[in-house]
C-alpha cells in the first residue's frame, strides 16, 4: 500500500490533486499505526472512527492525530497512564473542547497514547504499560510525560498529537524524539475535559514534525482566536542564552553554531531562571497535592506520583499564596528584561545529550538521579511565567541524536515562534528527513 506524505501540507496537496482521498489517507494511517506500535508501544487504545466523526471538509481533512491519554472522549474517561480508566462508567462524558475543535476542522482521532502516570514524570517510565521505544535509538530515553505523543509523531504513526505541559511534559519528549513540541501560552487552549496536575501551570501543547504542521493543528485547536500575528522573521528578532556552566559542551557548541548561522546575538545573563524555577516547583508540588488529595489520604498513589504531590502536602500554605501573588510582577519584569529588544529568547531544552533510558530510570543499575533531574532544568520556569515555548531540533550529537533548543516568546505569540522555527528549518537544520527514514518495519 502506498504511503502518505510525511507532512500535513504534503497530504493536503495529494488530496487536492486527487492522488488520494481523505478516507484512503486515514485508512493508511490507521494501518501504519497498527504496524508501528508493535515496535514502539505508544498506543493505549485505537479509537473507532465513529467515536468522534471528523468534518467532511476542513484544513485538517484526511489528517490522523493521536493524543495523550489525558483527554475526555465521548463516553470514555482517560486512563491517565494507570492501566484503567479513572471512571469505568462514563456514558455522559463528552469530548474535551480542544478535541471537538480539531474534529470540526476535519481531523480524525486515531488513538489514545501512553503517558507517565497522572502526568507525573520526566520520562515514559510507567509500570502499567510497556516502555515506549524511541524511534531514533532503542536505548535513548523517551521524555515524559507526553511520551506516547512524541513516539507516535517521530515514528510517523500520526501527523500530530496533543499533550499537556506542566513542567516540560510536551517539550521534553519532543526534544528526545527529534520533533517539535509547543507549550502554549497558559489559557490559550481550553482545559475543560483535560485531567489536571497543577492547574495554574498546565497547558495543552502540540507535537508535530514541522513548524507548519504545528501551526495548522494549533490554529484549529484554538479556532484561530487568541493568537497574535507573527512578528517579522528579520535579523535581530531573537537572542540566544547559552549558560556554559550548566551545559554539556556539545549543547553549548550547537547553540553557538545556531547563533552564528542565523546571525543572532548571544546573551550572557538569565539569572532569574533559578528563582523562577524554585517558584514553579512550589506551585507544582502544592497544586499537585490539591489535585491528588484523596489519593494522598488513602495512600493509593504510586511512588512517582507521591514524589510530586507529597511535598506539597507538608508545604506551608503561604508559600503557594506568595508564589501565585508574585507571578504577575515577575512576568512583567521578565518581559521587560528579555523581550524589549527581541521577539524570541532561545534557551536550552536539555542540558546534555539525550541520556539512555536506563540512566534515568530508578531501579536500573545505571540510574543517575542527577541526569533525571537535569531534564527539567530549563523547563519549569517557563510554565510559572505562563509563556509559550517551542522545542525545536537544531543539530545532531555524536550518536546522531537530536540536540534541541526552546524558543520562548511573549504571551500568545506562538505564531512568531513558529515562523522563527521555519527559519531554522530552512536556513540551519531540518530534522524531518531523519525522521522520515524510519518505517514501522525497521
Foldseek 3Di string as FASTA:
>chain_A
DDAADLALVSNVVCCVVVVDPLVRLVVNLLVQLVLQCVPFVWFDDWDDCVQQPADPAASQASFEEEEAQFFWTQQAAGPQLVLDHPDNGRNPIHTDLLVNLRRDRHYTYTGHTQFERNFQAQFSDGPNGDHGAQLQDRQFTQTAGRRSQLRCQLQSSGQKYKYKDQQCHQQSRCQQNFWKKKFAFQPQADCVRGQDQQNLLMGIMMTGHALVRRVSSVCSSNVVPLADDADDLDAQQEEEEQAPVQADPQLSVLSVVVCVLRVHYYDDDDPCLVVLLVLLLLSRQQRNLVSCVVCVVVVPDDPSSCVRHVVNVPDPPVSNVVSLVCQVVVLVVVCVVGVPRHFKYKYFQARYPGHGPLCPDPPRPNDDVVNRVRNSSRGRSCSSNSWMKMWHFQDADPSRGTGTIIITGGHSHSVNVSVNSVVSCVRGHRCSVVSVVRGSVD
